[in-house]
Amino acid sequence: MKIIEKDIMSILEKFSKIQTNLVSVAARQEITNKILDAIMQYRERTAINESIR
């Protein structure tokens, strides 16, 4: 199933609003960075696939 970028941004937006003592600011930032890295990798792969076609 293809994940739509606006869905990912919606998830990030909701995630950024999470306020809990169980998840530190540093942990949230680390997870956000990993999600953004995954988005960038997805975009790169998509661009490469488009250029192959």
Foldseek 3Di string as FASTA:
>chain_A
DDDDPVVLVVVLVVLVPDDDPVADPVNSVVVSVVSVVVVVVVVVVVVVVVVVD
